[in-house]
Structure formats: C-alpha cells, structure tokens
C-alpha cells in the first residue's frame, strides 16, 4: 500500500511539471508576439513621423518660394532699378552665363544638410512668420529651422532662339528678331526643414520681373 501511494504522487508531480513547461512555452510565445507587435507599431509610428516631417518641409519650402516671388513682384512694381546688388536686392546673386553660379549658390542648391550661411531667412522679419514657434503656427507643429531662400539673377528675359548661343550658332545680339528687354529672369531656391532638422526639402522656381 505504501509503495503504490508513492507511485501515484510521483505521477501527479510529473503531470504538474508538464503543465508548467507547456505554460512557460505559451508564455514565451505570447511574449514574442507582443514584442513583434510593439516593434511593428513603433516602425509605423516612425514612418508616419517621417512622412509628416517631409510634408512640413515641403510646405515650408513652398512658403519661402512664394514669399520670395512676392518680394520680387512688389519690388519690381515700386523700384525703378531692380538689379542684384541694388538697395532692394542686396542679397541677390548674379549668375554669369559663362562662368556659372558662384560657390555660395552651388552650396545652397546642392547641399544635403541644412545651410544657414547663405540665403535669406524667411521669418517674421522678412514677410513670413516664426515657423519655429508653435504659437505662430495656429496649432500646427513647428519647424526645426525657419525656411531660407536664395535669389539669382539669370539675366535679361530674351525671346526664343536668342542668347549667347542657339541652334543656328549665331550670337543672340546679331540674330534675326532679337529684341532687348528690361525684364530679368530670377531663379529662386528655397530650403526648409521639417519638425526634425535632419529632414530637408529644396524647391526651385523661376520668376520674371522688371529689371530697370
């Protein structure tokens, strides 16, 4: 009788040990599934944040472009000498068609990261708002940096098939139909960050305005 009782107790303990192992296995599986779900949610959150930063940067660059275009438009309407280096365009760069853009323009247009050494900051003091302040964004998220824009004078606006060189090989000044114009073509390059300073977008536009 005593020996039989001991065998029954040993069997129950073996069953309890098996249940414990199965429970631990299921607990481990549930833990792994929870970690995977949390990682997936974190990845989606980061992707959504990156998309939001990119959209903010695009809107900031677009705002700076429109601000620079409005500046050129109003200046051409009120000034009789709208040229690079004049009192109304002290921060403009002249693009020589023979030598190309200056180093400052190259850096501003092609740098992958943020550039603060060149261009004009588009903020509350230059026709925009303080994009880095949440209070000025009417509930929208603030940008890491205020957008910046750079204006280049590409020279006078010329009729088609005129200029320094065209298809016929003749110079523009001596070509048939050449007409001088007082309007100049300006290239505007705007840069903006998103809420994260590592997110940078660069937009460009060309704008024709009265030169003098």
C-alpha atoms as a PDB file:
ATOM      1  CA  UNK A   1       0.000   0.000   0.000  1.00  0.00           C
ATOM      2  CA  UNK A   2       2.748   2.436   0.890  1.00  0.00           C
ATOM      3  CA  UNK A   3       4.635   1.775  -2.370  1.00  0.00           C
ATOM      4  CA  UNK A   4       1.506   2.291  -4.531  1.00  0.00           C
ATOM      5  CA  UNK A   5       0.759   5.625  -2.849  1.00  0.00           C
ATOM      6  CA  UNK A   6       4.252   6.878  -3.673  1.00  0.00           C
ATOM      7  CA  UNK A   7       3.847   5.968  -7.343  1.00  0.00           C
ATOM      8  CA  UNK A   8       0.619   7.937  -7.579  1.00  0.00           C
ATOM      9  CA  UNK A   9       2.200  11.028  -6.043  1.00  0.00           C
ATOM     10  CA  UNK A  10       5.125  10.794  -8.452  1.00  0.00           C
ATOM     11  CA  UNK A  11       2.712  10.620 -11.415  1.00  0.00           C
ATOM     12  CA  UNK A  12       0.867  13.733 -10.302  1.00  0.00           C
ATOM     13  CA  UNK A  13       4.098  15.647  -9.876  1.00  0.00           C
ATOM     14  CA  UNK A  14       5.130  14.604 -13.389  1.00  0.00           C
ATOM     15  CA  UNK A  15       1.837  15.876 -14.800  1.00  0.00           C
ATOM     16  CA  UNK A  16       2.229  19.187 -12.946  1.00  0.00           C
ATOM     17  CA  UNK A  17       5.756  19.545 -14.354  1.00  0.00           C
ATOM     18  CA  UNK A  18       4.496  19.005 -17.905  1.00  0.00           C
ATOM     19  CA  UNK A  19       1.765  21.619 -17.438  1.00  0.00           C
ATOM     20  CA  UNK A  20       4.364  24.074 -16.160  1.00  0.00           C
ATOM     21  CA  UNK A  21       6.559  23.525 -19.216  1.00  0.00           C
ATOM     22  CA  UNK A  22       3.597  23.983 -21.584  1.00  0.00           C
ATOM     23  CA  UNK A  23       2.566  27.147 -19.738  1.00  0.00           C
ATOM     24  CA  UNK A  24       6.089  28.529 -19.997  1.00  0.00           C
ATOM     25  CA  UNK A  25       6.193  27.783 -23.730  1.00  0.00           C
ATOM     26  CA  UNK A  26       2.882  29.571 -24.302  1.00  0.00           C
ATOM     27  CA  UNK A  27       4.054  32.478 -22.165  1.00  0.00           C
ATOM     28  CA  UNK A  28       7.204  32.741 -24.240  1.00  0.00           C
ATOM     29  CA  UNK A  29       5.188  32.694 -27.482  1.00  0.00           C
ATOM     30  CA  UNK A  30       2.836  35.394 -26.205  1.00  0.00           C
ATOM     31  CA  UNK A  31       5.860  37.491 -25.169  1.00  0.00           C
ATOM     32  CA  UNK A  32       7.427  37.145 -28.614  1.00  0.00           C
ATOM     33  CA  UNK A  33       4.153  38.082 -30.313  1.00  0.00           C
ATOM     34  CA  UNK A  34       3.805  41.122 -28.043  1.00  0.00           C
ATOM     35  CA  UNK A  35       7.365  42.256 -28.812  1.00  0.00           C
ATOM     36  CA  UNK A  36       6.772  41.821 -32.555  1.00  0.00           C
ATOM     37  CA  UNK A  37       3.512  43.801 -32.388  1.00  0.00           C
ATOM     38  CA  UNK A  38       5.189  46.574 -30.391  1.00  0.00           C
ATOM     39  CA  UNK A  39       8.086  46.746 -32.872  1.00  0.00           C
ATOM     40  CA  UNK A  40       5.658  46.933 -35.792  1.00  0.00           C
ATOM     41  CA  UNK A  41       3.702  49.727 -34.122  1.00  0.00           C
ATOM     42  CA  UNK A  42       6.920  51.616 -33.390  1.00  0.00           C
ATOM     43  CA  UNK A  43       8.024  51.252 -37.026  1.00  0.00           C
ATOM     44  CA  UNK A  44       4.670  52.558 -38.274  1.00  0.00           C
ATOM     45  CA  UNK A  45       4.910  55.471 -35.857  1.00  0.00           C
ATOM     46  CA  UNK A  46       8.379  56.359 -37.128  1.00  0.00           C
ATOM     47  CA  UNK A  47       7.230  56.111 -40.747  1.00  0.00           C
ATOM     48  CA  UNK A  48       4.264  58.381 -40.025  1.00  0.00           C
ATOM     49  CA  UNK A  49       6.567  60.844 -38.260  1.00  0.00           C
ATOM     50  CA  UNK A  50       8.981  60.839 -41.194  1.00  0.00           C
ATOM     51  CA  UNK A  51       6.148  61.468 -43.648  1.00  0.00           C
ATOM     52  CA  UNK A  52       4.862  64.307 -41.501  1.00  0.00           C
ATOM     53  CA  UNK A  53       8.346  65.881 -41.337  1.00  0.00           C
ATOM     54  CA  UNK A  54       8.671  65.615 -45.129  1.00  0.00           C
ATOM     55  CA  UNK A  55       5.297  67.290 -45.676  1.00  0.00           C
ATOM     56  CA  UNK A  56       6.170  70.056 -43.219  1.00  0.00           C
ATOM     57  CA  UNK A  57       9.477  70.655 -45.007  1.00  0.00           C
ATOM     58  CA  UNK A  58       7.739  70.798 -48.390  1.00  0.00           C
ATOM     59  CA  UNK A  59       5.177  73.309 -47.122  1.00  0.00           C
ATOM     60  CA  UNK A  60       7.926  75.418 -45.548  1.00  0.00           C
ATOM     61  CA  UNK A  61       9.959  75.496 -48.765  1.00  0.00           C
ATOM     62  CA  UNK A  62       6.833  76.311 -50.783  1.00  0.00           C
ATOM     63  CA  UNK A  63       6.007  79.186 -48.433  1.00  0.00           C
ATOM     64  CA  UNK A  64       9.536  80.586 -48.793  1.00  0.00           C
ATOM     65  CA  UNK A  65       9.285  80.387 -52.598  1.00  0.00           C
ATOM     66  CA  UNK A  66       6.015  82.283 -52.655  1.00  0.00           C
ATOM     67  CA  UNK A  67       7.433  84.862 -50.232  1.00  0.00           C
ATOM     68  CA  UNK A  68      10.490  85.474 -52.420  1.00  0.00           C
ATOM     69  CA  UNK A  69       8.319  85.741 -55.538  1.00  0.00           C
ATOM     70  CA  UNK A  70       6.051  88.238 -53.792  1.00  0.00           C
ATOM     71  CA  UNK A  71       9.113  90.231 -52.754  1.00  0.00           C
ATOM     72  CA  UNK A  72      10.337  90.400 -56.373  1.00  0.00           C
ATOM     73  CA  UNK A  73       6.865  91.290 -57.633  1.00  0.00           C
ATOM     74  CA  UNK A  74       6.331  94.152 -55.191  1.00  0.00           C
ATOM     75  CA  UNK A  75       9.900  95.415 -55.633  1.00  0.00           C
ATOM     76  CA  UNK A  76       9.568  95.482 -59.433  1.00  0.00           C
ATOM     77  CA  UNK A  77       6.356  97.467 -59.097  1.00  0.00           C
ATOM     78  CA  UNK A  78       7.817 100.091 -56.765  1.00  0.00           C
ATOM     79  CA  UNK A  79      11.503 100.269 -57.750  1.00  0.00           C
ATOM     80  CA  UNK A  80      12.967 101.668 -60.945  1.00  0.00           C
ATOM     81  CA  UNK A  81      16.280  99.759 -60.562  1.00  0.00           C
ATOM     82  CA  UNK A  82      15.627  96.174 -59.588  1.00  0.00           C
ATOM     83  CA  UNK A  83      19.033  94.554 -60.052  1.00  0.00           C
ATOM     84  CA  UNK A  84      21.303  92.328 -57.987  1.00  0.00           C
ATOM     85  CA  UNK A  85      23.278  94.475 -55.591  1.00  0.00           C
ATOM     86  CA  UNK A  86      20.762  97.318 -55.622  1.00  0.00           C
ATOM     87  CA  UNK A  87      19.203  98.638 -52.438  1.00  0.00           C
ATOM     88  CA  UNK A  88      16.170  96.360 -52.802  1.00  0.00           C
ATOM     89  CA  UNK A  89      18.156  93.229 -53.762  1.00  0.00           C
ATOM     90  CA  UNK A  90      21.280  93.295 -51.654  1.00  0.00           C
ATOM     91  CA  UNK A  91      21.078  89.522 -51.064  1.00  0.00           C
ATOM     92  CA  UNK A  92      20.823  88.547 -54.751  1.00  0.00           C
ATOM     93  CA  UNK A  93      23.491  86.671 -56.734  1.00  0.00           C
ATOM     94  CA  UNK A  94      24.305  87.365 -60.365  1.00  0.00           C
ATOM     95  CA  UNK A  95      24.628  84.210 -62.458  1.00  0.00           C
ATOM     96  CA  UNK A  96      27.216  84.712 -65.160  1.00  0.00           C
ATOM     97  CA  UNK A  97      26.269  82.505 -68.175  1.00  0.00           C
ATOM     98  CA  UNK A  98      29.955  81.970 -68.969  1.00  0.00           C
ATOM     99  CA  UNK A  99      31.319  81.114 -65.515  1.00  0.00           C
ATOM    100  CA  UNK A 100      28.154  79.721 -63.970  1.00  0.00           C
ATOM    101  CA  UNK A 101      26.866  80.210 -60.438  1.00  0.00           C
ATOM    102  CA  UNK A 102      29.148  81.293 -57.612  1.00  0.00           C
ATOM    103  CA  UNK A 103      30.179  78.891 -54.853  1.00  0.00           C
ATOM    104  CA  UNK A 104      27.538  80.173 -52.422  1.00  0.00           C
ATOM    105  CA  UNK A 105      24.789  79.307 -54.888  1.00  0.00           C
ATOM    106  CA  UNK A 106      26.224  75.845 -55.544  1.00  0.00           C
ATOM    107  CA  UNK A 107      26.402  75.080 -51.840  1.00  0.00           C
ATOM    108  CA  UNK A 108      22.898  76.337 -51.163  1.00  0.00           C
ATOM    109  CA  UNK A 109      21.359  74.400 -54.062  1.00  0.00           C
ATOM    110  CA  UNK A 110      23.175  71.073 -53.707  1.00  0.00           C
ATOM    111  CA  UNK A 111      23.985  70.513 -50.013  1.00  0.00           C
ATOM    112  CA  UNK A 112      22.245  67.525 -48.479  1.00  0.00           C
ATOM    113  CA  UNK A 113      22.038  69.008 -44.997  1.00  0.00           C
ATOM    114  CA  UNK A 114      20.882  72.345 -43.691  1.00  0.00           C
ATOM    115  CA  UNK A 115      22.646  75.505 -44.930  1.00  0.00           C
ATOM    116  CA  UNK A 116      22.497  78.606 -42.757  1.00  0.00           C
ATOM    117  CA  UNK A 117      25.495  80.529 -44.125  1.00  0.00           C
ATOM    118  CA  UNK A 118      23.808  81.639 -47.360  1.00  0.00           C
ATOM    119  CA  UNK A 119      20.426  82.860 -48.453  1.00  0.00           C
ATOM    120  CA  UNK A 120      17.805  84.904 -46.625  1.00  0.00           C
ATOM    121  CA  UNK A 121      15.864  83.579 -43.654  1.00  0.00           C
ATOM    122  CA  UNK A 122      12.116  83.669 -44.250  1.00  0.00           C
ATOM    123  CA  UNK A 123      10.695  84.611 -40.872  1.00  0.00           C
ATOM    124  CA  UNK A 124       8.545  87.227 -39.190  1.00  0.00           C
ATOM    125  CA  UNK A 125      11.053  89.932 -40.087  1.00  0.00           C
ATOM    126  CA  UNK A 126      11.103  89.134 -43.805  1.00  0.00           C
ATOM    127  CA  UNK A 127       7.464  88.689 -44.758  1.00  0.00           C
ATOM    128  CA  UNK A 128       6.739  85.340 -43.142  1.00  0.00           C
ATOM    129  CA  UNK A 129       6.173  84.148 -39.588  1.00  0.00           C
ATOM    130  CA  UNK A 130       8.318  82.471 -36.989  1.00  0.00           C
ATOM    131  CA  UNK A 131       7.928  78.893 -38.230  1.00  0.00           C
ATOM    132  CA  UNK A 132       9.882  77.573 -35.236  1.00  0.00           C
ATOM    133  CA  UNK A 133       7.291  78.832 -32.734  1.00  0.00           C
ATOM    134  CA  UNK A 134       4.227  76.595 -32.154  1.00  0.00           C
ATOM    135  CA  UNK A 135       2.232  79.668 -31.087  1.00  0.00           C
ATOM    136  CA  UNK A 136       2.563  81.204 -34.563  1.00  0.00           C
ATOM    137  CA  UNK A 137       1.553  78.004 -36.346  1.00  0.00           C
ATOM    138  CA  UNK A 138      -2.099  78.106 -35.257  1.00  0.00           C
ATOM    139  CA  UNK A 139      -1.947  74.657 -33.693  1.00  0.00           C
ATOM    140  CA  UNK A 140       0.359  73.127 -36.307  1.00  0.00           C
ATOM    141  CA  UNK A 141       3.713  71.615 -35.412  1.00  0.00           C
ATOM    142  CA  UNK A 142       6.672  73.974 -35.579  1.00  0.00           C
ATOM    143  CA  UNK A 143       9.663  73.573 -37.894  1.00  0.00           C
ATOM    144  CA  UNK A 144      13.158  72.928 -36.599  1.00  0.00           C
ATOM    145  CA  UNK A 145      14.505  75.906 -38.614  1.00  0.00           C
ATOM    146  CA  UNK A 146      12.940  78.861 -40.372  1.00  0.00           C
ATOM    147  CA  UNK A 147      12.988  78.359 -44.170  1.00  0.00           C
ATOM    148  CA  UNK A 148      15.627  80.154 -46.247  1.00  0.00           C
ATOM    149  CA  UNK A 149      15.624  81.284 -49.860  1.00  0.00           C
ATOM    150  CA  UNK A 150      18.273  82.462 -52.315  1.00  0.00           C
ATOM    151  CA  UNK A 151      17.678  84.645 -55.395  1.00  0.00           C
ATOM    152  CA  UNK A 152      19.799  84.512 -58.551  1.00  0.00           C
ATOM    153  CA  UNK A 153      19.603  86.944 -61.442  1.00  0.00           C
ATOM    154  CA  UNK A 154      19.869  84.786 -64.583  1.00  0.00           C
ATOM    155  CA  UNK A 155      19.992  87.808 -66.878  1.00  0.00           C
ATOM    156  CA  UNK A 156      17.521  89.542 -69.191  1.00  0.00           C
ATOM    157  CA  UNK A 157      14.492  87.708 -70.466  1.00  0.00           C
ATOM    158  CA  UNK A 158      15.081  87.055 -74.167  1.00  0.00           C
ATOM    159  CA  UNK A 159      12.791  85.924 -76.978  1.00  0.00           C
ATOM    160  CA  UNK A 160      13.067  82.318 -78.185  1.00  0.00           C
ATOM    161  CA  UNK A 161      16.215  81.346 -80.146  1.00  0.00           C
ATOM    162  CA  UNK A 162      18.245  84.251 -78.810  1.00  0.00           C
ATOM    163  CA  UNK A 163      21.041  84.485 -76.304  1.00  0.00           C
ATOM    164  CA  UNK A 164      24.746  83.768 -76.238  1.00  0.00           C
ATOM    165  CA  UNK A 165      24.358  80.666 -78.391  1.00  0.00           C
ATOM    166  CA  UNK A 166      21.388  78.985 -80.069  1.00  0.00           C
ATOM    167  CA  UNK A 167      20.708  76.356 -82.709  1.00  0.00           C
ATOM    168  CA  UNK A 168      21.901  78.408 -85.691  1.00  0.00           C
ATOM    169  CA  UNK A 169      25.252  79.047 -83.984  1.00  0.00           C
ATOM    170  CA  UNK A 170      24.902  82.826 -84.237  1.00  0.00           C
ATOM    171  CA  UNK A 171      25.059  85.131 -81.248  1.00  0.00           C
ATOM    172  CA  UNK A 172      21.791  86.402 -79.851  1.00  0.00           C
ATOM    173  CA  UNK A 173      22.527  90.075 -80.365  1.00  0.00           C
ATOM    174  CA  UNK A 174      23.021  89.571 -84.099  1.00  0.00           C
ATOM    175  CA  UNK A 175      20.228  87.094 -84.708  1.00  0.00           C
ATOM    176  CA  UNK A 176      17.089  87.996 -86.578  1.00  0.00           C
ATOM    177  CA  UNK A 177      14.244  89.067 -84.342  1.00  0.00           C
ATOM    178  CA  UNK A 178      16.432  89.859 -81.347  1.00  0.00           C
ATOM    179  CA  UNK A 179      14.821  92.425 -79.064  1.00  0.00           C
ATOM    180  CA  UNK A 180      16.253  93.785 -75.849  1.00  0.00           C
ATOM    181  CA  UNK A 181      14.084  93.689 -72.769  1.00  0.00           C
ATOM    182  CA  UNK A 182      14.197  95.236 -69.350  1.00  0.00           C
ATOM    183  CA  UNK A 183      12.726  92.140 -67.705  1.00  0.00           C
ATOM    184  CA  UNK A 184      15.070  89.764 -65.906  1.00  0.00           C
ATOM    185  CA  UNK A 185      14.634  86.098 -65.047  1.00  0.00           C
ATOM    186  CA  UNK A 186      15.293  85.223 -61.425  1.00  0.00           C
ATOM    187  CA  UNK A 187      15.822  81.738 -60.081  1.00  0.00           C
ATOM    188  CA  UNK A 188      14.640  81.232 -56.526  1.00  0.00           C
ATOM    189  CA  UNK A 189      15.867  78.306 -54.447  1.00  0.00           C
ATOM    190  CA  UNK A 190      14.153  77.637 -51.124  1.00  0.00           C
ATOM    191  CA  UNK A 191      15.163  75.238 -48.365  1.00  0.00           C
ATOM    192  CA  UNK A 192      13.166  74.126 -45.356  1.00  0.00           C
ATOM    193  CA  UNK A 193      13.347  71.553 -42.585  1.00  0.00           C
ATOM    194  CA  UNK A 194      10.509  69.623 -41.045  1.00  0.00           C
ATOM    195  CA  UNK A 195       9.955  69.211 -37.336  1.00  0.00           C
ATOM    196  CA  UNK A 196      13.205  67.228 -37.438  1.00  0.00           C
ATOM    197  CA  UNK A 197      16.268  69.209 -38.518  1.00  0.00           C
ATOM    198  CA  UNK A 198      17.546  66.200 -40.487  1.00  0.00           C
ATOM    199  CA  UNK A 199      14.583  66.385 -42.875  1.00  0.00           C
ATOM    200  CA  UNK A 200      15.389  68.930 -45.602  1.00  0.00           C
ATOM    201  CA  UNK A 201      13.490  69.786 -48.772  1.00  0.00           C
ATOM    202  CA  UNK A 202      14.745  72.027 -51.590  1.00  0.00           C
ATOM    203  CA  UNK A 203      12.353  73.688 -54.068  1.00  0.00           C
ATOM    204  CA  UNK A 204      13.122  75.936 -57.040  1.00  0.00           C
ATOM    205  CA  UNK A 205      11.153  78.270 -59.276  1.00  0.00           C
ATOM    206  CA  UNK A 206      11.896  80.903 -61.933  1.00  0.00           C
ATOM    207  CA  UNK A 207      10.283  84.317 -61.871  1.00  0.00           C
ATOM    208  CA  UNK A 208      10.318  87.107 -64.404  1.00  0.00           C
ATOM    209  CA  UNK A 209      10.344  90.671 -63.104  1.00  0.00           C
ATOM    210  CA  UNK A 210      11.161  94.119 -64.414  1.00  0.00           C
ATOM    211  CA  UNK A 211      14.883  94.719 -64.153  1.00  0.00           C
ATOM    212  CA  UNK A 212      15.073  98.508 -64.567  1.00  0.00           C
END
